[in-house]
Amino acid sequence: QEILEAYQAAGYHLAAQYGNQYVLPYVEVLSEVPLSSSRYQIIDESIPFIQMVLHGSIAYAGTPINKDYQGRADLLQLIEYGASPAYRLMAADNSVLKDSQYNRFYSIQYTDWRENILEVYEEINPVLGPLQGESMIEHEIIDHALRRVTYSDGTQIILNYSDEAVSYDGETIPALDYRVTTSLLGKEQGGSDE
């Protein structure tokens, strides 16, 4: 803590990977924040508890998307948890890591992920960008497929993890999509253009 305090006092902007509670007063960014539970059988649901504590105060990201990308469901989880997308990348070809102590890093060549990075940013930034300074004040599990997240400015995001469209609160949310309602502006925003 003394070292972190000294660096902060010297004007450094600090980030931490996995950071425990004692680093929170000193960092501006946390990476590899868990976005799910341990998934032990005793666990019924994952909830964004640490994200509700951090959102609006400290920026955070989960594990790198390209570590185990599952497509649309992963993107929805980033939006549900208010997490920034993160990638682990390199300029060289993936093959340079073969038979090295870094062979656990697979599929990290930037050119392989460039389009995905742009697509994810273009979808997530308009939703989460305006919420960066807002607190996540409520997270509701409506049913096995629907989640609702509410922020301190009144913005609500309803996410549908189902493979089918779902009607909720008078509107239809397409399969694997979401709706954003910004109460202060009275505007609604959808997910994909499908």
N, C-alpha and C. Protein backbone atom coordinates (compact mmCIF):
# COMPACT_ATOMS: atom_id res chain seq x y z
N GLN A 1 0.83 -1.18 0.00
CA GLN A 1 0.00 0.00 0.00
C GLN A 1 0.88 1.26 0.00
N GLU A 2 1.98 1.20 0.73
CA GLU A 2 2.88 2.36 0.76
C GLU A 2 3.47 2.64 -0.62
N ILE A 3 3.83 1.58 -1.33
CA ILE A 3 4.38 1.75 -2.68
C ILE A 3 3.32 2.32 -3.61
N LEU A 4 2.10 1.79 -3.56
CA LEU A 4 1.02 2.31 -4.40
C LEU A 4 0.75 3.77 -4.08
N GLU A 5 0.73 4.11 -2.80
CA GLU A 5 0.49 5.49 -2.39
C GLU A 5 1.60 6.41 -2.89
N ALA A 6 2.83 5.94 -2.84
CA ALA A 6 3.96 6.76 -3.32
C ALA A 6 3.87 7.01 -4.82
N TYR A 7 3.54 5.97 -5.58
CA TYR A 7 3.40 6.14 -7.03
C TYR A 7 2.23 7.07 -7.37
N GLN A 8 1.13 6.91 -6.66
CA GLN A 8 -0.02 7.78 -6.90
C GLN A 8 0.33 9.23 -6.57
N ALA A 9 1.02 9.45 -5.46
CA ALA A 9 1.42 10.79 -5.06
C ALA A 9 2.39 11.41 -6.06
N ALA A 10 3.16 10.58 -6.73
CA ALA A 10 4.11 11.06 -7.73
C ALA A 10 3.43 11.37 -9.07
N GLY A 11 2.12 11.12 -9.15
CA GLY A 11 1.38 11.47 -10.36
C GLY A 11 1.18 10.34 -11.35
N TYR A 12 1.56 9.14 -10.97
CA TYR A 12 1.37 8.01 -11.87
C TYR A 12 -0.11 7.61 -11.89
N HIS A 13 -0.57 7.16 -13.05
CA HIS A 13 -1.91 6.61 -13.20
C HIS A 13 -1.76 5.09 -13.14
N LEU A 14 -2.36 4.47 -12.15
CA LEU A 14 -2.10 3.07 -11.87
C LEU A 14 -3.21 2.15 -12.35
N ALA A 15 -2.80 0.97 -12.78
CA ALA A 15 -3.72 -0.10 -13.17
C ALA A 15 -3.24 -1.37 -12.49
N ALA A 16 -4.15 -2.30 -12.29
CA ALA A 16 -3.79 -3.57 -11.66
C ALA A 16 -4.52 -4.71 -12.36
N GLN A 17 -3.84 -5.84 -12.37
CA GLN A 17 -4.46 -7.06 -12.86
C GLN A 17 -4.96 -7.83 -11.65
N TYR A 18 -6.21 -8.17 -11.64
CA TYR A 18 -6.89 -8.89 -10.55
C TYR A 18 -7.03 -8.09 -9.26
N GLY A 19 -6.46 -6.96 -9.09
CA GLY A 19 -6.34 -6.20 -7.86
C GLY A 19 -7.25 -6.55 -6.71
N ASN A 20 -6.68 -6.78 -5.55
CA ASN A 20 -7.45 -7.04 -4.33
C ASN A 20 -7.92 -5.72 -3.73
N GLN A 21 -8.68 -5.82 -2.65
CA GLN A 21 -9.30 -4.64 -2.05
C GLN A 21 -8.30 -3.54 -1.72
N TYR A 22 -7.12 -3.89 -1.25
CA TYR A 22 -6.18 -2.87 -0.82
C TYR A 22 -5.65 -1.99 -1.95
N VAL A 23 -5.78 -2.43 -3.21
CA VAL A 23 -5.31 -1.61 -4.33
C VAL A 23 -6.37 -0.62 -4.80
N LEU A 24 -7.63 -0.82 -4.44
CA LEU A 24 -8.72 -0.02 -4.99
C LEU A 24 -8.58 1.49 -4.80
N PRO A 25 -8.10 1.98 -3.67
CA PRO A 25 -7.98 3.44 -3.54
C PRO A 25 -6.92 4.07 -4.45
N TYR A 26 -6.08 3.25 -5.06
CA TYR A 26 -4.93 3.78 -5.80
C TYR A 26 -5.01 3.59 -7.31
N VAL A 27 -5.86 2.70 -7.78
CA VAL A 27 -5.87 2.38 -9.21
C VAL A 27 -7.02 3.08 -9.93
N GLU A 28 -6.82 3.27 -11.22
CA GLU A 28 -7.86 3.83 -12.08
C GLU A 28 -8.47 2.76 -12.98
N VAL A 29 -7.74 1.65 -13.17
CA VAL A 29 -8.19 0.58 -14.06
C VAL A 29 -7.86 -0.77 -13.45
N LEU A 30 -8.80 -1.70 -13.54
CA LEU A 30 -8.56 -3.09 -13.14
C LEU A 30 -8.79 -3.98 -14.36
N SER A 31 -7.90 -4.93 -14.57
CA SER A 31 -8.08 -5.88 -15.66
C SER A 31 -8.29 -7.27 -15.09
N GLU A 32 -8.88 -8.12 -15.88
CA GLU A 32 -9.17 -9.51 -15.53
C GLU A 32 -10.05 -9.64 -14.29
N VAL A 33 -11.02 -8.73 -14.18
CA VAL A 33 -12.03 -8.82 -13.13
C VAL A 33 -12.97 -9.96 -13.51
N PRO A 34 -13.26 -10.89 -12.60
CA PRO A 34 -14.14 -12.01 -12.95
C PRO A 34 -15.52 -11.54 -13.42
N LEU A 35 -16.00 -12.15 -14.49
CA LEU A 35 -17.33 -11.83 -15.01
C LEU A 35 -18.29 -13.00 -14.85
N SER A 36 -17.91 -13.94 -14.01
CA SER A 36 -18.81 -15.05 -13.69
C SER A 36 -18.40 -15.63 -12.35
N SER A 37 -19.27 -16.48 -11.83
CA SER A 37 -18.98 -17.14 -10.56
C SER A 37 -18.00 -18.28 -10.79
N SER A 38 -17.72 -19.00 -9.74
CA SER A 38 -16.86 -20.18 -9.83
C SER A 38 -17.53 -21.30 -10.62
N ARG A 39 -18.84 -21.20 -10.77
CA ARG A 39 -19.67 -22.19 -11.47
C ARG A 39 -19.73 -23.54 -10.74
N TYR A 40 -19.44 -23.53 -9.46
CA TYR A 40 -19.63 -24.74 -8.68
C TYR A 40 -21.12 -25.07 -8.66
N GLN A 41 -21.46 -26.34 -8.46
CA GLN A 41 -22.85 -26.76 -8.52
C GLN A 41 -23.74 -26.07 -7.49
N ILE A 42 -23.17 -25.62 -6.40
CA ILE A 42 -23.97 -24.97 -5.37
C ILE A 42 -24.39 -23.55 -5.78
N ILE A 43 -23.77 -22.99 -6.81
CA ILE A 43 -24.05 -21.63 -7.26
C ILE A 43 -25.22 -21.65 -8.24
N ASP A 44 -26.26 -20.88 -7.94
CA ASP A 44 -27.43 -20.82 -8.82
C ASP A 44 -27.22 -19.83 -9.96
N GLU A 45 -26.74 -18.64 -9.65
CA GLU A 45 -26.60 -17.58 -10.63
C GLU A 45 -25.34 -16.77 -10.37
N SER A 46 -24.81 -16.17 -11.43
CA SER A 46 -23.73 -15.20 -11.28
C SER A 46 -24.35 -13.82 -11.22
N ILE A 47 -23.86 -13.00 -10.32
CA ILE A 47 -24.32 -11.62 -10.24
C ILE A 47 -23.10 -10.69 -10.26
N PRO A 48 -23.25 -9.49 -10.77
CA PRO A 48 -22.12 -8.57 -10.89
C PRO A 48 -21.87 -7.77 -9.60
N PHE A 49 -21.60 -8.45 -8.50
CA PHE A 49 -21.43 -7.74 -7.22
C PHE A 49 -20.24 -6.78 -7.27
N ILE A 50 -19.07 -7.27 -7.64
CA ILE A 50 -17.90 -6.39 -7.66
C ILE A 50 -18.07 -5.27 -8.68
N GLN A 51 -18.77 -5.56 -9.77
CA GLN A 51 -19.01 -4.54 -10.78
C GLN A 51 -19.92 -3.44 -10.23
N MET A 52 -20.90 -3.83 -9.41
CA MET A 52 -21.78 -2.83 -8.80
C MET A 52 -21.00 -1.95 -7.82
N VAL A 53 -20.00 -2.51 -7.18
CA VAL A 53 -19.15 -1.74 -6.27
C VAL A 53 -18.25 -0.79 -7.06
N LEU A 54 -17.69 -1.27 -8.16
CA LEU A 54 -16.68 -0.50 -8.90
C LEU A 54 -17.24 0.49 -9.92
N HIS A 55 -18.36 0.17 -10.56
CA HIS A 55 -18.82 0.95 -11.71
C HIS A 55 -19.04 2.41 -11.34
N GLY A 56 -18.48 3.26 -12.15
CA GLY A 56 -18.56 4.71 -11.92
C GLY A 56 -17.37 5.25 -11.16
N SER A 57 -16.56 4.36 -10.55
CA SER A 57 -15.39 4.79 -9.79
C SER A 57 -14.08 4.30 -10.41
N ILE A 58 -14.05 3.04 -10.81
CA ILE A 58 -12.84 2.45 -11.36
C ILE A 58 -13.22 1.71 -12.64
N ALA A 59 -12.52 2.00 -13.73
CA ALA A 59 -12.77 1.28 -14.98
C ALA A 59 -12.28 -0.16 -14.84
N TYR A 60 -12.95 -1.10 -15.49
CA TYR A 60 -12.55 -2.51 -15.37
C TYR A 60 -12.86 -3.27 -16.65
N ALA A 61 -12.14 -4.36 -16.81
CA ALA A 61 -12.34 -5.27 -17.93
C ALA A 61 -12.24 -6.69 -17.40
N GLY A 62 -12.86 -7.61 -18.10
CA GLY A 62 -12.77 -9.03 -17.74
C GLY A 62 -11.53 -9.65 -18.36
N THR A 63 -11.56 -10.95 -18.48
CA THR A 63 -10.44 -11.64 -19.14
C THR A 63 -10.43 -11.25 -20.61
N PRO A 64 -9.28 -11.34 -21.25
CA PRO A 64 -9.22 -10.99 -22.67
C PRO A 64 -10.22 -11.79 -23.49
N ILE A 65 -10.95 -11.09 -24.34
CA ILE A 65 -11.98 -11.72 -25.16
C ILE A 65 -11.42 -12.86 -25.99
N ASN A 66 -10.21 -12.67 -26.51
CA ASN A 66 -9.66 -13.69 -27.40
C ASN A 66 -9.09 -14.90 -26.66
N LYS A 67 -9.26 -14.95 -25.35
CA LYS A 67 -8.83 -16.14 -24.61
C LYS A 67 -9.80 -17.29 -24.82
N ASP A 68 -11.10 -16.98 -24.82
CA ASP A 68 -12.11 -18.03 -24.95
C ASP A 68 -13.40 -17.41 -25.47
N TYR A 69 -13.36 -16.83 -26.66
CA TYR A 69 -14.48 -16.07 -27.20
C TYR A 69 -15.65 -16.96 -27.56
N GLN A 70 -16.84 -16.63 -27.02
CA GLN A 70 -18.05 -17.39 -27.28
C GLN A 70 -19.06 -16.60 -28.10
N GLY A 71 -18.64 -15.53 -28.73
CA GLY A 71 -19.52 -14.77 -29.62
C GLY A 71 -20.48 -13.85 -28.90
N ARG A 72 -21.69 -13.83 -29.40
CA ARG A 72 -22.71 -12.86 -28.97
C ARG A 72 -22.98 -12.92 -27.46
N ALA A 73 -23.00 -14.07 -26.88
CA ALA A 73 -23.26 -14.18 -25.43
C ALA A 73 -22.18 -13.47 -24.63
N ASP A 74 -20.93 -13.54 -25.07
CA ASP A 74 -19.85 -12.83 -24.38
C ASP A 74 -20.04 -11.32 -24.48
N LEU A 75 -20.46 -10.85 -25.64
CA LEU A 75 -20.69 -9.42 -25.81
C LEU A 75 -21.83 -8.95 -24.90
N LEU A 76 -22.89 -9.74 -24.81
CA LEU A 76 -23.99 -9.40 -23.92
C LEU A 76 -23.53 -9.34 -22.47
N GLN A 77 -22.66 -10.26 -22.08
CA GLN A 77 -22.17 -10.26 -20.70
C GLN A 77 -21.35 -9.01 -20.40
N LEU A 78 -20.54 -8.56 -21.36
CA LEU A 78 -19.80 -7.31 -21.16
C LEU A 78 -20.76 -6.16 -20.90
N ILE A 79 -21.84 -6.10 -21.68
CA ILE A 79 -22.82 -5.04 -21.51
C ILE A 79 -23.54 -5.19 -20.17
N GLU A 80 -23.95 -6.41 -19.82
CA GLU A 80 -24.63 -6.64 -18.54
C GLU A 80 -23.75 -6.24 -17.36
N TYR A 81 -22.48 -6.55 -17.42
CA TYR A 81 -21.57 -6.29 -16.30
C TYR A 81 -20.89 -4.94 -16.39
N GLY A 82 -21.19 -4.16 -17.44
CA GLY A 82 -20.61 -2.83 -17.57
C GLY A 82 -19.11 -2.85 -17.77
N ALA A 83 -18.58 -3.93 -18.32
CA ALA A 83 -17.13 -4.12 -18.45
C ALA A 83 -16.61 -3.68 -19.81
N SER A 84 -15.44 -3.11 -19.81
CA SER A 84 -14.79 -2.75 -21.06
C SER A 84 -14.26 -4.01 -21.73
N PRO A 85 -14.30 -4.07 -23.04
CA PRO A 85 -13.69 -5.22 -23.73
C PRO A 85 -12.18 -5.15 -23.62
N ALA A 86 -11.55 -6.29 -23.50
CA ALA A 86 -10.08 -6.36 -23.43
C ALA A 86 -9.60 -7.51 -24.31
N TYR A 87 -8.43 -7.33 -24.85
CA TYR A 87 -7.80 -8.35 -25.70
C TYR A 87 -6.34 -8.46 -25.30
N ARG A 88 -5.75 -9.62 -25.48
CA ARG A 88 -4.31 -9.81 -25.33
C ARG A 88 -3.81 -10.04 -26.75
N LEU A 89 -2.93 -9.14 -27.23
CA LEU A 89 -2.54 -9.14 -28.64
C LEU A 89 -1.04 -8.99 -28.82
N MET A 90 -0.58 -9.40 -30.00
CA MET A 90 0.80 -9.16 -30.41
C MET A 90 0.82 -8.96 -31.92
N ALA A 91 1.87 -8.33 -32.40
CA ALA A 91 1.99 -8.06 -33.83
C ALA A 91 2.48 -9.28 -34.60
N ALA A 92 3.30 -10.10 -33.98
CA ALA A 92 3.90 -11.25 -34.66
C ALA A 92 2.88 -12.35 -34.91
N ASP A 93 3.24 -13.28 -35.77
CA ASP A 93 2.40 -14.44 -36.05
C ASP A 93 2.31 -15.32 -34.81
N ASN A 94 1.16 -15.95 -34.61
CA ASN A 94 0.95 -16.83 -33.45
C ASN A 94 2.00 -17.93 -33.35
N SER A 95 2.53 -18.36 -34.47
CA SER A 95 3.47 -19.49 -34.48
C SER A 95 4.77 -19.20 -33.73
N VAL A 96 5.10 -17.94 -33.51
CA VAL A 96 6.36 -17.65 -32.80
C VAL A 96 6.32 -18.12 -31.34
N LEU A 97 5.13 -18.35 -30.82
CA LEU A 97 4.99 -18.79 -29.43
C LEU A 97 4.97 -20.31 -29.28
N LYS A 98 4.87 -21.00 -30.40
CA LYS A 98 4.82 -22.46 -30.35
C LYS A 98 6.10 -23.00 -29.71
N ASP A 99 5.96 -23.98 -28.85
CA ASP A 99 7.08 -24.61 -28.15
C ASP A 99 7.87 -23.62 -27.28
N SER A 100 7.21 -22.58 -26.82
CA SER A 100 7.85 -21.63 -25.90
C SER A 100 7.10 -21.67 -24.57
N GLN A 101 7.63 -20.96 -23.58
CA GLN A 101 6.93 -20.90 -22.29
C GLN A 101 5.65 -20.06 -22.38
N TYR A 102 5.42 -19.42 -23.54
CA TYR A 102 4.23 -18.59 -23.73
C TYR A 102 3.21 -19.25 -24.64
N ASN A 103 3.32 -20.54 -24.87
CA ASN A 103 2.40 -21.20 -25.79
C ASN A 103 0.96 -21.24 -25.27
N ARG A 104 0.74 -20.84 -24.01
CA ARG A 104 -0.63 -20.75 -23.49
C ARG A 104 -1.38 -19.58 -24.11
N PHE A 105 -0.62 -18.64 -24.70
CA PHE A 105 -1.24 -17.51 -25.39
C PHE A 105 -1.42 -17.90 -26.85
N TYR A 106 -2.60 -18.33 -27.18
CA TYR A 106 -2.88 -18.73 -28.55
C TYR A 106 -3.88 -17.73 -29.14
N SER A 107 -3.87 -17.61 -30.40
CA SER A 107 -4.79 -16.72 -31.10
C SER A 107 -4.72 -15.29 -30.57
N ILE A 108 -3.52 -14.74 -30.55
CA ILE A 108 -3.36 -13.35 -30.09
C ILE A 108 -2.75 -12.44 -31.15
N GLN A 109 -2.66 -12.93 -32.38
CA GLN A 109 -2.13 -12.09 -33.45
C GLN A 109 -3.16 -11.00 -33.78
N TYR A 110 -2.74 -9.76 -33.72
CA TYR A 110 -3.62 -8.60 -33.88
C TYR A 110 -4.45 -8.68 -35.16
N THR A 111 -3.83 -9.03 -36.28
CA THR A 111 -4.56 -9.02 -37.55
C THR A 111 -5.73 -10.00 -37.55
N ASP A 112 -5.65 -11.08 -36.76
CA ASP A 112 -6.75 -12.04 -36.68
C ASP A 112 -7.96 -11.46 -35.93
N TRP A 113 -7.73 -10.48 -35.08
CA TRP A 113 -8.78 -9.95 -34.20
C TRP A 113 -9.21 -8.53 -34.54
N ARG A 114 -8.54 -7.90 -35.49
CA ARG A 114 -8.81 -6.49 -35.79
C ARG A 114 -10.29 -6.22 -36.05
N GLU A 115 -10.92 -6.98 -36.91
CA GLU A 115 -12.34 -6.76 -37.25
C GLU A 115 -13.23 -6.97 -36.02
N ASN A 116 -12.95 -7.99 -35.23
CA ASN A 116 -13.74 -8.23 -34.03
C ASN A 116 -13.61 -7.07 -33.05
N ILE A 117 -12.40 -6.57 -32.88
CA ILE A 117 -12.17 -5.44 -31.98
C ILE A 117 -13.03 -4.25 -32.40
N LEU A 118 -13.02 -3.94 -33.68
CA LEU A 118 -13.80 -2.81 -34.19
C LEU A 118 -15.30 -3.03 -34.01
N GLU A 119 -15.77 -4.24 -34.32
CA GLU A 119 -17.20 -4.54 -34.18
C GLU A 119 -17.65 -4.44 -32.73
N VAL A 120 -16.87 -5.02 -31.82
CA VAL A 120 -17.23 -4.98 -30.40
C VAL A 120 -17.22 -3.54 -29.89
N TYR A 121 -16.20 -2.79 -30.24
CA TYR A 121 -16.13 -1.39 -29.80
C TYR A 121 -17.31 -0.59 -30.34
N GLU A 122 -17.62 -0.74 -31.62
CA GLU A 122 -18.70 0.03 -32.23
C GLU A 122 -20.05 -0.29 -31.62
N GLU A 123 -20.23 -1.51 -31.11
CA GLU A 123 -21.50 -1.84 -30.46
C GLU A 123 -21.51 -1.44 -28.98
N ILE A 124 -20.43 -1.68 -28.27
CA ILE A 124 -20.42 -1.45 -26.83
C ILE A 124 -20.25 0.03 -26.46
N ASN A 125 -19.42 0.75 -27.16
CA ASN A 125 -19.13 2.13 -26.76
C ASN A 125 -20.36 3.03 -26.69
N PRO A 126 -21.28 3.00 -27.67
CA PRO A 126 -22.47 3.86 -27.53
C PRO A 126 -23.34 3.49 -26.33
N VAL A 127 -23.28 2.24 -25.88
CA VAL A 127 -24.09 1.81 -24.74
C VAL A 127 -23.40 2.14 -23.42
N LEU A 128 -22.15 1.68 -23.27
CA LEU A 128 -21.46 1.83 -21.99
C LEU A 128 -20.68 3.13 -21.85
N GLY A 129 -20.27 3.74 -22.95
CA GLY A 129 -19.49 4.98 -22.88
C GLY A 129 -20.16 6.06 -22.04
N PRO A 130 -21.44 6.38 -22.30
CA PRO A 130 -22.11 7.41 -21.51
C PRO A 130 -22.32 7.03 -20.05
N LEU A 131 -22.15 5.76 -19.70
CA LEU A 131 -22.39 5.30 -18.33
C LEU A 131 -21.12 5.21 -17.49
N GLN A 132 -19.98 5.60 -18.02
CA GLN A 132 -18.71 5.42 -17.31
C GLN A 132 -18.68 6.08 -15.94
N GLY A 133 -19.31 7.21 -15.77
CA GLY A 133 -19.31 7.88 -14.47
C GLY A 133 -20.51 7.55 -13.61
N GLU A 134 -21.36 6.65 -14.07
CA GLU A 134 -22.59 6.31 -13.35
C GLU A 134 -22.41 5.05 -12.51
N SER A 135 -23.10 5.00 -11.40
CA SER A 135 -23.10 3.80 -10.56
C SER A 135 -24.12 2.81 -11.07
N MET A 136 -23.79 1.53 -10.98
CA MET A 136 -24.74 0.47 -11.29
C MET A 136 -25.52 0.25 -10.00
N ILE A 137 -26.79 0.62 -9.99
CA ILE A 137 -27.53 0.59 -8.73
C ILE A 137 -28.44 -0.62 -8.56
N GLU A 138 -28.72 -1.34 -9.67
CA GLU A 138 -29.58 -2.51 -9.53
C GLU A 138 -29.29 -3.50 -10.65
N HIS A 139 -29.31 -4.77 -10.30
CA HIS A 139 -29.17 -5.86 -11.27
C HIS A 139 -30.26 -6.87 -10.94
N GLU A 140 -31.11 -7.17 -11.93
CA GLU A 140 -32.22 -8.08 -11.70
C GLU A 140 -32.13 -9.27 -12.64
N ILE A 141 -32.35 -10.45 -12.08
CA ILE A 141 -32.48 -11.66 -12.88
C ILE A 141 -33.98 -11.88 -13.03
N ILE A 142 -34.50 -11.53 -14.20
CA ILE A 142 -35.94 -11.60 -14.42
C ILE A 142 -36.38 -13.05 -14.62
N ASP A 143 -35.63 -13.77 -15.42
CA ASP A 143 -35.82 -15.22 -15.57
C ASP A 143 -34.51 -15.79 -16.10
N HIS A 144 -34.52 -17.07 -16.52
CA HIS A 144 -33.28 -17.72 -16.93
C HIS A 144 -32.59 -17.01 -18.10
N ALA A 145 -33.34 -16.24 -18.89
CA ALA A 145 -32.76 -15.60 -20.08
C ALA A 145 -32.70 -14.08 -20.01
N LEU A 146 -33.49 -13.46 -19.15
CA LEU A 146 -33.58 -12.00 -19.11
C LEU A 146 -32.90 -11.40 -17.89
N ARG A 147 -32.16 -10.32 -18.14
CA ARG A 147 -31.52 -9.56 -17.07
C ARG A 147 -31.85 -8.08 -17.28
N ARG A 148 -31.94 -7.33 -16.17
CA ARG A 148 -32.12 -5.88 -16.26
C ARG A 148 -31.12 -5.20 -15.34
N VAL A 149 -30.42 -4.24 -15.89
CA VAL A 149 -29.42 -3.48 -15.13
C VAL A 149 -29.85 -2.02 -15.13
N THR A 150 -29.81 -1.39 -13.96
CA THR A 150 -30.20 0.01 -13.83
C THR A 150 -29.02 0.82 -13.30
N TYR A 151 -28.82 2.00 -13.90
CA TYR A 151 -27.73 2.90 -13.51
C TYR A 151 -28.28 4.13 -12.81
N SER A 152 -27.40 4.85 -12.13
CA SER A 152 -27.79 5.99 -11.31
C SER A 152 -28.43 7.12 -12.10
N ASP A 153 -28.22 7.19 -13.40
CA ASP A 153 -28.86 8.24 -14.20
C ASP A 153 -30.22 7.81 -14.73
N GLY A 154 -30.68 6.62 -14.34
CA GLY A 154 -31.97 6.11 -14.78
C GLY A 154 -31.90 5.20 -15.99
N THR A 155 -30.75 5.09 -16.62
CA THR A 155 -30.60 4.21 -17.77
C THR A 155 -30.84 2.77 -17.35
N GLN A 156 -31.63 2.06 -18.16
CA GLN A 156 -31.85 0.63 -17.94
C GLN A 156 -31.46 -0.14 -19.18
N ILE A 157 -30.82 -1.26 -18.97
CA ILE A 157 -30.46 -2.16 -20.05
C ILE A 157 -31.12 -3.50 -19.76
N ILE A 158 -31.93 -3.96 -20.71
CA ILE A 158 -32.58 -5.27 -20.59
C ILE A 158 -31.93 -6.17 -21.61
N LEU A 159 -31.40 -7.31 -21.14
CA LEU A 159 -30.66 -8.23 -22.00
C LEU A 159 -31.40 -9.55 -22.14
N ASN A 160 -31.43 -10.06 -23.36
CA ASN A 160 -32.09 -11.33 -23.65
C ASN A 160 -31.03 -12.33 -24.11
N TYR A 161 -30.72 -13.30 -23.26
CA TYR A 161 -29.74 -14.34 -23.59
C TYR A 161 -30.37 -15.53 -24.32
N SER A 162 -31.67 -15.48 -24.55
CA SER A 162 -32.38 -16.58 -25.19
C SER A 162 -32.11 -16.62 -26.69
N ASP A 163 -32.30 -17.79 -27.27
CA ASP A 163 -32.19 -17.95 -28.73
C ASP A 163 -33.48 -17.53 -29.44
N GLU A 164 -34.45 -17.04 -28.67
CA GLU A 164 -35.72 -16.60 -29.24
C GLU A 164 -36.04 -15.20 -28.74
N ALA A 165 -36.81 -14.46 -29.54
CA ALA A 165 -37.28 -13.14 -29.12
C ALA A 165 -38.16 -13.29 -27.88
N VAL A 166 -38.13 -12.29 -27.01
CA VAL A 166 -38.88 -12.33 -25.77
C VAL A 166 -39.63 -11.02 -25.62
N SER A 167 -40.89 -11.10 -25.19
CA SER A 167 -41.66 -9.89 -24.88
C SER A 167 -41.49 -9.59 -23.40
N TYR A 168 -41.17 -8.34 -23.12
CA TYR A 168 -41.01 -7.93 -21.72
C TYR A 168 -41.37 -6.45 -21.60
N ASP A 169 -42.20 -6.15 -20.64
CA ASP A 169 -42.55 -4.77 -20.32
C ASP A 169 -43.05 -4.02 -21.56
N GLY A 170 -43.85 -4.71 -22.37
CA GLY A 170 -44.46 -4.07 -23.51
C GLY A 170 -43.62 -3.96 -24.77
N GLU A 171 -42.47 -4.58 -24.78
CA GLU A 171 -41.66 -4.53 -26.00
C GLU A 171 -41.03 -5.89 -26.25
N THR A 172 -40.64 -6.08 -27.51
CA THR A 172 -40.01 -7.32 -27.91
C THR A 172 -38.50 -7.12 -27.98
N ILE A 173 -37.78 -7.99 -27.31
CA ILE A 173 -36.32 -7.95 -27.35
C ILE A 173 -35.88 -9.15 -28.18
N PRO A 174 -35.22 -8.90 -29.31
CA PRO A 174 -34.81 -10.01 -30.18
C PRO A 174 -33.88 -10.99 -29.46
N ALA A 175 -33.75 -12.17 -30.05
CA ALA A 175 -32.85 -13.20 -29.51
C ALA A 175 -31.44 -12.66 -29.40
N LEU A 176 -30.75 -13.01 -28.32
CA LEU A 176 -29.36 -12.61 -28.08
C LEU A 176 -29.14 -11.14 -28.36
N ASP A 177 -29.98 -10.32 -27.74
CA ASP A 177 -29.91 -8.88 -27.98
C ASP A 177 -30.29 -8.13 -26.70
N TYR A 178 -30.42 -6.83 -26.79
CA TYR A 178 -30.70 -6.00 -25.62
C TYR A 178 -31.42 -4.74 -26.04
N ARG A 179 -31.99 -4.07 -25.05
CA ARG A 179 -32.61 -2.77 -25.23
C ARG A 179 -32.08 -1.86 -24.15
N VAL A 180 -31.81 -0.61 -24.55
CA VAL A 180 -31.35 0.40 -23.60
C VAL A 180 -32.41 1.49 -23.56
N THR A 181 -32.85 1.83 -22.37
CA THR A 181 -33.78 2.94 -22.19
C THR A 181 -33.09 3.97 -21.33
N THR A 182 -32.93 5.15 -21.87
CA THR A 182 -32.33 6.25 -21.13
C THR A 182 -33.45 7.17 -20.71
N SER A 183 -33.84 7.10 -19.45
CA SER A 183 -35.02 7.81 -18.99
C SER A 183 -34.85 9.33 -19.05
N LEU A 184 -33.65 9.83 -18.82
CA LEU A 184 -33.45 11.27 -18.84
C LEU A 184 -33.65 11.85 -20.24
N LEU A 185 -33.30 11.08 -21.25
CA LEU A 185 -33.44 11.55 -22.61
C LEU A 185 -34.70 11.01 -23.28
N GLY A 186 -35.33 10.02 -22.63
CA GLY A 186 -36.53 9.44 -23.17
C GLY A 186 -36.30 8.68 -24.47
N LYS A 187 -35.08 8.21 -24.68
CA LYS A 187 -34.74 7.53 -25.91
C LYS A 187 -34.55 6.05 -25.65
N GLU A 188 -34.87 5.26 -26.65
CA GLU A 188 -34.59 3.83 -26.58
C GLU A 188 -33.58 3.48 -27.64
N GLN A 189 -32.75 2.52 -27.31
CA GLN A 189 -31.70 2.11 -28.23
C GLN A 189 -31.68 0.60 -28.24
N GLY A 190 -31.51 0.02 -29.41
CA GLY A 190 -31.47 -1.43 -29.50
C GLY A 190 -30.08 -1.94 -29.66
N GLY A 191 -29.98 -3.25 -29.73
CA GLY A 191 -28.70 -3.90 -29.93
C GLY A 191 -28.37 -3.96 -31.41
N SER A 192 -28.25 -5.16 -31.91
CA SER A 192 -27.87 -5.35 -33.31
C SER A 192 -28.99 -4.89 -34.23
N ASP A 193 -28.65 -4.75 -35.51
CA ASP A 193 -29.62 -4.28 -36.50
C ASP A 193 -30.44 -5.42 -37.08
N GLU A 194 -30.36 -6.61 -36.50
CA GLU A 194 -31.07 -7.77 -37.03
C GLU A 194 -32.56 -7.64 -36.79
